[in-house]
Amino acid sequence: MSDEFSYVWLLPLFEKPFEVAALDLPDAVGTLRKKYTLPSEIALQPLVVTALASHSEYWAGLALRWLEEGFPLDLELSQLLAHCAENRGLPQSHRHRARKLACLAGNGS
């Protein structure tokens, strides 16, 4: 139980639609609590940040899908989307999606 918590452990939640994953979060956290010491509060926003910053086309693409499905955008996410829109390490389609979301949030270029 000495492993420090990482939102990476929750990335598989992205394989579900946002609304379903939000409902499944307590069960996923409960399963992790049996194996690891977790922070008292776990939220989905840091999970989205983790996926967008992961350097993984797969997880970033699924995080973009959640944002397109209506996951709430805050300042940190909109700034990260603006960065993703310029990140040539992501596929062009992901960059375009990130740019569109950043523009909708008022942070696009």
PDB file of N, CA and C in Angstrom:
ATOM      1  N   MET A   1       0.806  -1.202   0.000  1.00  0.00           N
ATOM      2  CA  MET A   1       0.000   0.000   0.000  1.00  0.00           C
ATOM      3  C   MET A   1       0.846   1.262   0.000  1.00  0.00           C
ATOM      4  N   SER A   2       2.068   1.157  -0.448  1.00  0.00           N
ATOM      5  CA  SER A   2       2.943   2.316  -0.451  1.00  0.00           C
ATOM      6  C   SER A   2       2.921   3.067  -1.775  1.00  0.00           C
ATOM      7  N   ASP A   3       2.263   2.519  -2.788  1.00  0.00           N
ATOM      8  CA  ASP A   3       2.209   3.200  -4.069  1.00  0.00           C
ATOM      9  C   ASP A   3       1.402   4.489  -3.959  1.00  0.00           C
ATOM     10  N   GLU A   4       1.968   5.566  -4.503  1.00  0.00           N
ATOM     11  CA  GLU A   4       1.268   6.847  -4.505  1.00  0.00           C
ATOM     12  C   GLU A   4       0.191   6.816  -5.580  1.00  0.00           C
ATOM     13  N   PHE A   5      -0.954   7.404  -5.274  1.00  0.00           N
ATOM     14  CA  PHE A   5      -2.077   7.399  -6.208  1.00  0.00           C
ATOM     15  C   PHE A   5      -1.721   8.104  -7.509  1.00  0.00           C
ATOM     16  N   SER A   6      -2.194   7.558  -8.603  1.00  0.00           N
ATOM     17  CA  SER A   6      -2.032   8.164  -9.918  1.00  0.00           C
ATOM     18  C   SER A   6      -3.360   8.054 -10.660  1.00  0.00           C
ATOM     19  N   TYR A   7      -3.762   9.149 -11.282  1.00  0.00           N
ATOM     20  CA  TYR A   7      -4.991   9.111 -12.078  1.00  0.00           C
ATOM     21  C   TYR A   7      -4.860   8.172 -13.276  1.00  0.00           C
ATOM     22  N   VAL A   8      -3.652   7.790 -13.626  1.00  0.00           N
ATOM     23  CA  VAL A   8      -3.437   6.840 -14.722  1.00  0.00           C
ATOM     24  C   VAL A   8      -4.220   5.554 -14.463  1.00  0.00           C
ATOM     25  N   TRP A   9      -4.348   5.180 -13.214  1.00  0.00           N
ATOM     26  CA  TRP A   9      -5.077   3.956 -12.864  1.00  0.00           C
ATOM     27  C   TRP A   9      -6.540   4.020 -13.285  1.00  0.00           C
ATOM     28  N   LEU A  10      -7.074   5.222 -13.427  1.00  0.00           N
ATOM     29  CA  LEU A  10      -8.487   5.380 -13.774  1.00  0.00           C
ATOM     30  C   LEU A  10      -8.716   5.640 -15.262  1.00  0.00           C
ATOM     31  N   LEU A  11      -7.655   5.676 -16.061  1.00  0.00           N
ATOM     32  CA  LEU A  11      -7.811   5.954 -17.488  1.00  0.00           C
ATOM     33  C   LEU A  11      -8.817   5.033 -18.187  1.00  0.00           C
ATOM     34  N   PRO A  12      -8.948   3.755 -17.807  1.00  0.00           N
ATOM     35  CA  PRO A  12      -9.938   2.912 -18.481  1.00  0.00           C
ATOM     36  C   PRO A  12     -11.381   3.438 -18.392  1.00  0.00           C
ATOM     37  N   LEU A  13     -11.662   4.345 -17.464  1.00  0.00           N
ATOM     38  CA  LEU A  13     -13.003   4.944 -17.418  1.00  0.00           C
ATOM     39  C   LEU A  13     -13.321   5.683 -18.717  1.00  0.00           C
ATOM     40  N   PHE A  14     -12.299   6.165 -19.422  1.00  0.00           N
ATOM     41  CA  PHE A  14     -12.521   6.878 -20.681  1.00  0.00           C
ATOM     42  C   PHE A  14     -13.110   5.986 -21.760  1.00  0.00           C
ATOM     43  N   GLU A  15     -13.033   4.687 -21.587  1.00  0.00           N
ATOM     44  CA  GLU A  15     -13.573   3.780 -22.587  1.00  0.00           C
ATOM     45  C   GLU A  15     -15.096   3.706 -22.523  1.00  0.00           C
ATOM     46  N   LYS A  16     -15.667   4.427 -21.570  1.00  0.00           N
ATOM     47  CA  LYS A  16     -17.120   4.519 -21.432  1.00  0.00           C
ATOM     48  C   LYS A  16     -17.536   5.957 -21.728  1.00  0.00           C
ATOM     49  N   PRO A  17     -18.788   6.164 -22.137  1.00  0.00           N
ATOM     50  CA  PRO A  17     -19.261   7.544 -22.283  1.00  0.00           C
ATOM     51  C   PRO A  17     -19.135   8.289 -20.950  1.00  0.00           C
ATOM     52  N   PHE A  18     -18.954   9.592 -21.028  1.00  0.00           N
ATOM     53  CA  PHE A  18     -18.742  10.420 -19.841  1.00  0.00           C
ATOM     54  C   PHE A  18     -19.793  10.184 -18.763  1.00  0.00           C
ATOM     55  N   GLU A  19     -21.062  10.200 -19.137  1.00  0.00           N
ATOM     56  CA  GLU A  19     -22.126  10.057 -18.131  1.00  0.00           C
ATOM     57  C   GLU A  19     -22.069   8.696 -17.435  1.00  0.00           C
ATOM     58  N   VAL A  20     -21.748   7.653 -18.168  1.00  0.00           N
ATOM     59  CA  VAL A  20     -21.633   6.314 -17.582  1.00  0.00           C
ATOM     60  C   VAL A  20     -20.418   6.256 -16.661  1.00  0.00           C
ATOM     61  N   ALA A  21     -19.303   6.808 -17.115  1.00  0.00           N
ATOM     62  CA  ALA A  21     -18.075   6.799 -16.309  1.00  0.00           C
ATOM     63  C   ALA A  21     -18.264   7.568 -15.010  1.00  0.00           C
ATOM     64  N   ALA A  22     -18.988   8.672 -15.065  1.00  0.00           N
ATOM     65  CA  ALA A  22     -19.238   9.452 -13.847  1.00  0.00           C
ATOM     66  C   ALA A  22     -19.995   8.607 -12.828  1.00  0.00           C
ATOM     67  N   LEU A  23     -20.930   7.796 -13.306  1.00  0.00           N
ATOM     68  CA  LEU A  23     -21.676   6.910 -12.409  1.00  0.00           C
ATOM     69  C   LEU A  23     -20.806   5.760 -11.904  1.00  0.00           C
ATOM     70  N   ASP A  24     -19.848   5.322 -12.716  1.00  0.00           N
ATOM     71  CA  ASP A  24     -18.974   4.201 -12.351  1.00  0.00           C
ATOM     72  C   ASP A  24     -17.785   4.610 -11.488  1.00  0.00           C
ATOM     73  N   LEU A  25     -17.530   5.913 -11.369  1.00  0.00           N
ATOM     74  CA  LEU A  25     -16.360   6.377 -10.615  1.00  0.00           C
ATOM     75  C   LEU A  25     -16.324   5.840  -9.186  1.00  0.00           C
ATOM     76  N   PRO A  26     -17.408   5.900  -8.413  1.00  0.00           N
ATOM     77  CA  PRO A  26     -17.329   5.390  -7.035  1.00  0.00           C
ATOM     78  C   PRO A  26     -16.917   3.919  -6.954  1.00  0.00           C
ATOM     79  N   ASP A  27     -17.416   3.086  -7.864  1.00  0.00           N
ATOM     80  CA  ASP A  27     -17.033   1.671  -7.857  1.00  0.00           C
ATOM     81  C   ASP A  27     -15.561   1.496  -8.213  1.00  0.00           C
ATOM     82  N   ALA A  28     -15.087   2.261  -9.206  1.00  0.00           N
ATOM     83  CA  ALA A  28     -13.680   2.172  -9.604  1.00  0.00           C
ATOM     84  C   ALA A  28     -12.771   2.605  -8.461  1.00  0.00           C
ATOM     85  N   VAL A  29     -13.154   3.667  -7.778  1.00  0.00           N
ATOM     86  CA  VAL A  29     -12.365   4.156  -6.645  1.00  0.00           C
ATOM     87  C   VAL A  29     -12.410   3.144  -5.505  1.00  0.00           C
ATOM     88  N   GLY A  30     -13.578   2.569  -5.264  1.00  0.00           N
ATOM     89  CA  GLY A  30     -13.707   1.565  -4.209  1.00  0.00           C
ATOM     90  C   GLY A  30     -12.805   0.368  -4.448  1.00  0.00           C
ATOM     91  N   THR A  31     -12.712  -0.067  -5.694  1.00  0.00           N
ATOM     92  CA  THR A  31     -11.824  -1.178  -6.037  1.00  0.00           C
ATOM     93  C   THR A  31     -10.369  -0.805  -5.779  1.00  0.00           C
ATOM     94  N   LEU A  32      -9.986   0.414  -6.164  1.00  0.00           N
ATOM     95  CA  LEU A  32      -8.604   0.859  -5.938  1.00  0.00           C
ATOM     96  C   LEU A  32      -8.291   1.002  -4.453  1.00  0.00           C
ATOM     97  N   ARG A  33      -9.281   1.434  -3.656  1.00  0.00           N
ATOM     98  CA  ARG A  33      -9.063   1.625  -2.211  1.00  0.00           C
ATOM     99  C   ARG A  33      -8.691   0.311  -1.525  1.00  0.00           C
ATOM    100  N   LYS A  34      -9.133  -0.800  -2.087  1.00  0.00           N
ATOM    101  CA  LYS A  34      -8.794  -2.100  -1.505  1.00  0.00           C
ATOM    102  C   LYS A  34      -7.304  -2.409  -1.654  1.00  0.00           C
ATOM    103  N   LYS A  35      -6.660  -1.796  -2.655  1.00  0.00           N
ATOM    104  CA  LYS A  35      -5.256  -2.090  -2.942  1.00  0.00           C
ATOM    105  C   LYS A  35      -4.310  -0.954  -2.581  1.00  0.00           C
ATOM    106  N   TYR A  36      -4.799   0.286  -2.608  1.00  0.00           N
ATOM    107  CA  TYR A  36      -3.919   1.444  -2.467  1.00  0.00           C
ATOM    108  C   TYR A  36      -4.495   2.459  -1.485  1.00  0.00           C
ATOM    109  N   THR A  37      -3.618   3.280  -0.955  1.00  0.00           N
ATOM    110  CA  THR A  37      -4.053   4.422  -0.160  1.00  0.00           C
ATOM    111  C   THR A  37      -4.368   5.549  -1.134  1.00  0.00           C
ATOM    112  N   LEU A  38      -5.592   6.017  -1.114  1.00  0.00           N
ATOM    113  CA  LEU A  38      -6.033   7.037  -2.060  1.00  0.00           C
ATOM    114  C   LEU A  38      -6.312   8.351  -1.349  1.00  0.00           C
ATOM    115  N   PRO A  39      -6.266   9.455  -2.100  1.00  0.00           N
ATOM    116  CA  PRO A  39      -6.659  10.733  -1.501  1.00  0.00           C
ATOM    117  C   PRO A  39      -8.132  10.690  -1.110  1.00  0.00           C
ATOM    118  N   SER A  40      -8.524  11.570  -0.215  1.00  0.00           N
ATOM    119  CA  SER A  40      -9.908  11.551   0.272  1.00  0.00           C
ATOM    120  C   SER A  40     -10.912  11.888  -0.826  1.00  0.00           C
ATOM    121  N   GLU A  41     -10.518  12.727  -1.767  1.00  0.00           N
ATOM    122  CA  GLU A  41     -11.446  13.102  -2.834  1.00  0.00           C
ATOM    123  C   GLU A  41     -10.797  12.864  -4.193  1.00  0.00           C
ATOM    124  N   ILE A  42     -11.510  12.173  -5.051  1.00  0.00           N
ATOM    125  CA  ILE A  42     -11.036  11.916  -6.408  1.00  0.00           C
ATOM    126  C   ILE A  42     -12.096  12.449  -7.361  1.00  0.00           C
ATOM    127  N   ALA A  43     -11.658  13.270  -8.308  1.00  0.00           N
ATOM    128  CA  ALA A  43     -12.580  13.900  -9.248  1.00  0.00           C
ATOM    129  C   ALA A  43     -12.208  13.521 -10.677  1.00  0.00           C
ATOM    130  N   LEU A  44     -13.131  13.761 -11.592  1.00  0.00           N
ATOM    131  CA  LEU A  44     -12.887  13.419 -12.985  1.00  0.00           C
ATOM    132  C   LEU A  44     -12.048  14.468 -13.718  1.00  0.00           C
ATOM    133  N   GLN A  45     -12.064  15.728 -13.287  1.00  0.00           N
ATOM    134  CA  GLN A  45     -11.319  16.777 -13.986  1.00  0.00           C
ATOM    135  C   GLN A  45      -9.823  16.461 -14.049  1.00  0.00           C
ATOM    136  N   PRO A  46      -9.182  16.062 -12.934  1.00  0.00           N
ATOM    137  CA  PRO A  46      -7.764  15.709 -13.036  1.00  0.00           C
ATOM    138  C   PRO A  46      -7.512  14.492 -13.934  1.00  0.00           C
ATOM    139  N   LEU A  47      -8.500  13.626 -14.053  1.00  0.00           N
ATOM    140  CA  LEU A  47      -8.370  12.484 -14.954  1.00  0.00           C
ATOM    141  C   LEU A  47      -8.316  12.958 -16.405  1.00  0.00           C
ATOM    142  N   VAL A  48      -9.159  13.933 -16.745  1.00  0.00           N
ATOM    143  CA  VAL A  48      -9.145  14.492 -18.102  1.00  0.00           C
ATOM    144  C   VAL A  48      -7.803  15.169 -18.371  1.00  0.00           C
ATOM    145  N   VAL A  49      -7.296  15.910 -17.391  1.00  0.00           N
ATOM    146  CA  VAL A  49      -5.982  16.552 -17.525  1.00  0.00           C
ATOM    147  C   VAL A  49      -4.907  15.492 -17.755  1.00  0.00           C
ATOM    148  N   THR A  50      -4.953  14.419 -16.975  1.00  0.00           N
ATOM    149  CA  THR A  50      -3.975  13.335 -17.116  1.00  0.00           C
ATOM    150  C   THR A  50      -4.002  12.753 -18.525  1.00  0.00           C
ATOM    151  N   ALA A  51      -5.194  12.514 -19.052  1.00  0.00           N
ATOM    152  CA  ALA A  51      -5.314  11.922 -20.388  1.00  0.00           C
ATOM    153  C   ALA A  51      -4.812  12.871 -21.472  1.00  0.00           C
ATOM    154  N   LEU A  52      -5.180  14.145 -21.371  1.00  0.00           N
ATOM    155  CA  LEU A  52      -4.760  15.107 -22.391  1.00  0.00           C
ATOM    156  C   LEU A  52      -3.251  15.332 -22.376  1.00  0.00           C
ATOM    157  N   ALA A  53      -2.644  15.185 -21.212  1.00  0.00           N
ATOM    158  CA  ALA A  53      -1.202  15.413 -21.075  1.00  0.00           C
ATOM    159  C   ALA A  53      -0.394  14.118 -21.163  1.00  0.00           C
ATOM    160  N   SER A  54      -1.033  13.018 -21.499  1.00  0.00           N
ATOM    161  CA  SER A  54      -0.402  11.694 -21.419  1.00  0.00           C
ATOM    162  C   SER A  54       0.543  11.352 -22.568  1.00  0.00           C
ATOM    163  N   HIS A  55       0.541  12.122 -23.630  1.00  0.00           N
ATOM    164  CA  HIS A  55       1.324  11.800 -24.833  1.00  0.00           C
ATOM    165  C   HIS A  55       0.822  10.512 -25.484  1.00  0.00           C
ATOM    166  N   SER A  56      -0.425  10.169 -25.214  1.00  0.00           N
ATOM    167  CA  SER A  56      -1.041   8.982 -25.805  1.00  0.00           C
ATOM    168  C   SER A  56      -2.181   9.424 -26.712  1.00  0.00           C
ATOM    169  N   GLU A  57      -2.088   9.070 -27.987  1.00  0.00           N
ATOM    170  CA  GLU A  57      -3.174   9.386 -28.918  1.00  0.00           C
ATOM    171  C   GLU A  57      -4.489   8.793 -28.427  1.00  0.00           C
ATOM    172  N   TYR A  58      -4.401   7.580 -27.917  1.00  0.00           N
ATOM    173  CA  TYR A  58      -5.610   6.867 -27.505  1.00  0.00           C
ATOM    174  C   TYR A  58      -6.330   7.589 -26.374  1.00  0.00           C
ATOM    175  N   TRP A  59      -5.622   7.831 -25.259  1.00  0.00           N
ATOM    176  CA  TRP A  59      -6.268   8.447 -24.103  1.00  0.00           C
ATOM    177  C   TRP A  59      -6.660   9.893 -24.384  1.00  0.00           C
ATOM    178  N   ALA A  60      -5.821  10.623 -25.111  1.00  0.00           N
ATOM    179  CA  ALA A  60      -6.166  12.009 -25.452  1.00  0.00           C
ATOM    180  C   ALA A  60      -7.425  12.043 -26.312  1.00  0.00           C
ATOM    181  N   GLY A  61      -7.526  11.121 -27.250  1.00  0.00           N
ATOM    182  CA  GLY A  61      -8.716  11.069 -28.101  1.00  0.00           C
ATOM    183  C   GLY A  61      -9.982  10.780 -27.311  1.00  0.00           C
ATOM    184  N   LEU A  62      -9.875   9.873 -26.349  1.00  0.00           N
ATOM    185  CA  LEU A  62     -11.046   9.564 -25.522  1.00  0.00           C
ATOM    186  C   LEU A  62     -11.398  10.732 -24.602  1.00  0.00           C
ATOM    187  N   ALA A  63     -10.397  11.443 -24.104  1.00  0.00           N
ATOM    188  CA  ALA A  63     -10.664  12.628 -23.280  1.00  0.00           C
ATOM    189  C   ALA A  63     -11.353  13.704 -24.116  1.00  0.00           C
ATOM    190  N   LEU A  64     -10.918  13.878 -25.348  1.00  0.00           N
ATOM    191  CA  LEU A  64     -11.576  14.843 -26.235  1.00  0.00           C
ATOM    192  C   LEU A  64     -13.037  14.454 -26.459  1.00  0.00           C
ATOM    193  N   ARG A  65     -13.288  13.157 -26.584  1.00  0.00           N
ATOM    194  CA  ARG A  65     -14.674  12.700 -26.758  1.00  0.00           C
ATOM    195  C   ARG A  65     -15.530  13.096 -25.556  1.00  0.00           C
ATOM    196  N   TRP A  66     -14.981  12.914 -24.333  1.00  0.00           N
ATOM    197  CA  TRP A  66     -15.725  13.315 -23.133  1.00  0.00           C
ATOM    198  C   TRP A  66     -16.037  14.804 -23.174  1.00  0.00           C
ATOM    199  N   LEU A  67     -15.060  15.602 -23.562  1.00  0.00           N
ATOM    200  CA  LEU A  67     -15.271  17.052 -23.623  1.00  0.00           C
ATOM    201  C   LEU A  67     -16.326  17.393 -24.667  1.00  0.00           C
ATOM    202  N   GLU A  68     -16.319  16.681 -25.779  1.00  0.00           N
ATOM    203  CA  GLU A  68     -17.339  16.886 -26.812  1.00  0.00           C
ATOM    204  C   GLU A  68     -18.712  16.432 -26.334  1.00  0.00           C
ATOM    205  N   GLU A  69     -18.744  15.474 -25.422  1.00  0.00           N
ATOM    206  CA  GLU A  69     -20.007  14.974 -24.870  1.00  0.00           C
ATOM    207  C   GLU A  69     -20.560  15.893 -23.790  1.00  0.00           C
ATOM    208  N   GLY A  70     -19.799  16.916 -23.417  1.00  0.00           N
ATOM    209  CA  GLY A  70     -20.318  17.874 -22.449  1.00  0.00           C
ATOM    210  C   GLY A  70     -19.608  17.919 -21.119  1.00  0.00           C
ATOM    211  N   PHE A  71     -18.453  17.247 -20.998  1.00  0.00           N
ATOM    212  CA  PHE A  71     -17.705  17.369 -19.746  1.00  0.00           C
ATOM    213  C   PHE A  71     -17.413  18.848 -19.521  1.00  0.00           C
ATOM    214  N   PRO A  72     -17.626  19.356 -18.301  1.00  0.00           N
ATOM    215  CA  PRO A  72     -17.473  20.800 -18.061  1.00  0.00           C
ATOM    216  C   PRO A  72     -16.031  21.288 -18.242  1.00  0.00           C
ATOM    217  N   LEU A  73     -15.898  22.358 -18.999  1.00  0.00           N
ATOM    218  CA  LEU A  73     -14.592  22.979 -19.236  1.00  0.00           C
ATOM    219  C   LEU A  73     -14.323  24.037 -18.183  1.00  0.00           C
ATOM    220  N   ASP A  74     -13.123  24.005 -17.631  1.00  0.00           N
ATOM    221  CA  ASP A  74     -12.685  25.069 -16.730  1.00  0.00           C
ATOM    222  C   ASP A  74     -11.460  25.724 -17.356  1.00  0.00           C
ATOM    223  N   LEU A  75     -10.887  26.690 -16.674  1.00  0.00           N
ATOM    224  CA  LEU A  75      -9.748  27.422 -17.221  1.00  0.00           C
ATOM    225  C   LEU A  75      -8.570  26.496 -17.511  1.00  0.00           C
ATOM    226  N   GLU A  76      -8.256  25.598 -16.571  1.00  0.00           N
ATOM    227  CA  GLU A  76      -7.125  24.691 -16.771  1.00  0.00           C
ATOM    228  C   GLU A  76      -7.327  23.819 -18.007  1.00  0.00           C
ATOM    229  N   LEU A  77      -8.522  23.271 -18.163  1.00  0.00           N
ATOM    230  CA  LEU A  77      -8.789  22.419 -19.323  1.00  0.00           C
ATOM    231  C   LEU A  77      -8.760  23.218 -20.620  1.00  0.00           C
ATOM    232  N   SER A  78      -9.324  24.414 -20.619  1.00  0.00           N
ATOM    233  CA  SER A  78      -9.331  25.193 -21.857  1.00  0.00           C
ATOM    234  C   SER A  78      -7.916  25.607 -22.247  1.00  0.00           C
ATOM    235  N   GLN A  79      -7.065  25.901 -21.274  1.00  0.00           N
ATOM    236  CA  GLN A  79      -5.664  26.214 -21.582  1.00  0.00           C
ATOM    237  C   GLN A  79      -4.932  24.978 -22.099  1.00  0.00           C
ATOM    238  N   LEU A  80      -5.216  23.832 -21.513  1.00  0.00           N
ATOM    239  CA  LEU A  80      -4.599  22.587 -21.972  1.00  0.00           C
ATOM    240  C   LEU A  80      -5.068  22.241 -23.384  1.00  0.00           C
ATOM    241  N   LEU A  81      -6.331  22.506 -23.682  1.00  0.00           N
ATOM    242  CA  LEU A  81      -6.838  22.272 -25.037  1.00  0.00           C
ATOM    243  C   LEU A  81      -6.130  23.160 -26.052  1.00  0.00           C
ATOM    244  N   ALA A  82      -5.894  24.416 -25.680  1.00  0.00           N
ATOM    245  CA  ALA A  82      -5.168  25.324 -26.576  1.00  0.00           C
ATOM    246  C   ALA A  82      -3.762  24.784 -26.835  1.00  0.00           C
ATOM    247  N   HIS A  83      -3.138  24.232 -25.802  1.00  0.00           N
ATOM    248  CA  HIS A  83      -1.812  23.618 -25.971  1.00  0.00           C
ATOM    249  C   HIS A  83      -1.903  22.382 -26.873  1.00  0.00           C
ATOM    250  N   CYS A  84      -2.902  21.540 -26.645  1.00  0.00           N
ATOM    251  CA  CYS A  84      -3.081  20.332 -27.463  1.00  0.00           C
ATOM    252  C   CYS A  84      -3.304  20.693 -28.933  1.00  0.00           C
ATOM    253  N   ALA A  85      -4.000  21.801 -29.177  1.00  0.00           N
ATOM    254  CA  ALA A  85      -4.273  22.230 -30.549  1.00  0.00           C
ATOM    255  C   ALA A  85      -2.991  22.536 -31.314  1.00  0.00           C
ATOM    256  N   GLU A  86      -1.923  22.858 -30.595  1.00  0.00           N
ATOM    257  CA  GLU A  86      -0.632  23.176 -31.218  1.00  0.00           C
ATOM    258  C   GLU A  86       0.378  22.036 -31.102  1.00  0.00           C
ATOM    259  N   ASN A  87       0.024  20.976 -30.417  1.00  0.00           N
ATOM    260  CA  ASN A  87       0.946  19.871 -30.145  1.00  0.00           C
ATOM    261  C   ASN A  87       1.042  18.943 -31.352  1.00  0.00           C
ATOM    262  N   ARG A  88       2.137  19.028 -32.077  1.00  0.00           N
ATOM    263  CA  ARG A  88       2.314  18.204 -33.277  1.00  0.00           C
ATOM    264  C   ARG A  88       2.552  16.730 -32.949  1.00  0.00           C
ATOM    265  N   GLY A  89       2.646  16.413 -31.671  1.00  0.00           N
ATOM    266  CA  GLY A  89       2.747  15.015 -31.266  1.00  0.00           C
ATOM    267  C   GLY A  89       1.404  14.308 -31.309  1.00  0.00           C
ATOM    268  N   LEU A  90       0.331  15.089 -31.409  1.00  0.00           N
ATOM    269  CA  LEU A  90      -1.015  14.520 -31.523  1.00  0.00           C
ATOM    270  C   LEU A  90      -1.417  14.481 -32.994  1.00  0.00           C
ATOM    271  N   PRO A  91      -2.273  13.550 -33.370  1.00  0.00           N
ATOM    272  CA  PRO A  91      -2.749  13.512 -34.752  1.00  0.00           C
ATOM    273  C   PRO A  91      -3.482  14.815 -35.102  1.00  0.00           C
ATOM    274  N   GLN A  92      -3.468  15.153 -36.367  1.00  0.00           N
ATOM    275  CA  GLN A  92      -4.112  16.384 -36.819  1.00  0.00           C
ATOM    276  C   GLN A  92      -5.585  16.426 -36.419  1.00  0.00           C
ATOM    277  N   SER A  93      -6.266  15.291 -36.513  1.00  0.00           N
ATOM    278  CA  SER A  93      -7.693  15.275 -36.153  1.00  0.00           C
ATOM    279  C   SER A  93      -7.888  15.629 -34.678  1.00  0.00           C
ATOM    280  N   HIS A  94      -7.003  15.165 -33.802  1.00  0.00           N
ATOM    281  CA  HIS A  94      -7.082  15.506 -32.375  1.00  0.00           C
ATOM    282  C   HIS A  94      -6.810  16.992 -32.170  1.00  0.00           C
ATOM    283  N   ARG A  95      -5.824  17.525 -32.899  1.00  0.00           N
ATOM    284  CA  ARG A  95      -5.500  18.952 -32.766  1.00  0.00           C
ATOM    285  C   ARG A  95      -6.683  19.807 -33.194  1.00  0.00           C
ATOM    286  N   HIS A  96      -7.347  19.414 -34.275  1.00  0.00           N
ATOM    287  CA  HIS A  96      -8.511  20.171 -34.740  1.00  0.00           C
ATOM    288  C   HIS A  96      -9.647  20.114 -33.723  1.00  0.00           C
ATOM    289  N   ARG A  97      -9.874  18.942 -33.168  1.00  0.00           N
ATOM    290  CA  ARG A  97     -10.923  18.801 -32.150  1.00  0.00           C
ATOM    291  C   ARG A  97     -10.593  19.645 -30.927  1.00  0.00           C
ATOM    292  N   ALA A  98      -9.319  19.621 -30.510  1.00  0.00           N
ATOM    293  CA  ALA A  98      -8.894  20.417 -29.353  1.00  0.00           C
ATOM    294  C   ALA A  98      -9.060  21.902 -29.639  1.00  0.00           C
ATOM    295  N   ARG A  99      -8.700  22.334 -30.848  1.00  0.00           N
ATOM    296  CA  ARG A  99      -8.836  23.748 -31.214  1.00  0.00           C
ATOM    297  C   ARG A  99     -10.309  24.171 -31.177  1.00  0.00           C
ATOM    298  N   LYS A 100     -11.173  23.325 -31.718  1.00  0.00           N
ATOM    299  CA  LYS A 100     -12.606  23.649 -31.725  1.00  0.00           C
ATOM    300  C   LYS A 100     -13.131  23.787 -30.294  1.00  0.00           C
ATOM    301  N   LEU A 101     -12.757  22.859 -29.425  1.00  0.00           N
ATOM    302  CA  LEU A 101     -13.197  22.924 -28.026  1.00  0.00           C
ATOM    303  C   LEU A 101     -12.616  24.143 -27.319  1.00  0.00           C
ATOM    304  N   ALA A 102     -11.346  24.451 -27.585  1.00  0.00           N
ATOM    305  CA  ALA A 102     -10.720  25.624 -26.968  1.00  0.00           C
ATOM    306  C   ALA A 102     -11.415  26.900 -27.425  1.00  0.00           C
ATOM    307  N   CYS A 103     -11.777  26.958 -28.706  1.00  0.00           N
ATOM    308  CA  CYS A 103     -12.494  28.135 -29.220  1.00  0.00           C
ATOM    309  C   CYS A 103     -13.865  28.263 -28.567  1.00  0.00           C
ATOM    310  N   LEU A 104     -14.546  27.149 -28.403  1.00  0.00           N
ATOM    311  CA  LEU A 104     -15.854  27.178 -27.740  1.00  0.00           C
ATOM    312  C   LEU A 104     -15.733  27.667 -26.303  1.00  0.00           C
ATOM    313  N   ALA A 105     -14.588  27.359 -25.682  1.00  0.00           N
ATOM    314  CA  ALA A 105     -14.357  27.782 -24.300  1.00  0.00           C
ATOM    315  C   ALA A 105     -13.813  29.206 -24.230  1.00  0.00           C
ATOM    316  N   GLY A 106     -13.532  29.787 -25.401  1.00  0.00           N
ATOM    317  CA  GLY A 106     -13.024  31.154 -25.417  1.00  0.00           C
ATOM    318  C   GLY A 106     -11.528  31.259 -25.266  1.00  0.00           C
ATOM    319  N   ASN A 107     -10.804  30.147 -25.447  1.00  0.00           N
ATOM    320  CA  ASN A 107      -9.351  30.161 -25.281  1.00  0.00           C
ATOM    321  C   ASN A 107      -8.617  29.764 -26.549  1.00  0.00           C
ATOM    322  N   GLY A 108      -9.292  29.728 -27.664  1.00  0.00           N
ATOM    323  CA  GLY A 108      -8.642  29.285 -28.895  1.00  0.00           C
ATOM    324  C   GLY A 108      -7.841  30.371 -29.557  1.00  0.00           C
ATOM    325  N   SER A 109      -6.983  29.938 -30.481  1.00  0.00           N
ATOM    326  CA  SER A 109      -6.179  30.919 -31.207  1.00  0.00           C
ATOM    327  C   SER A 109      -6.787  31.223 -32.551  1.00  0.00           C
TER     328      SER A 109
END
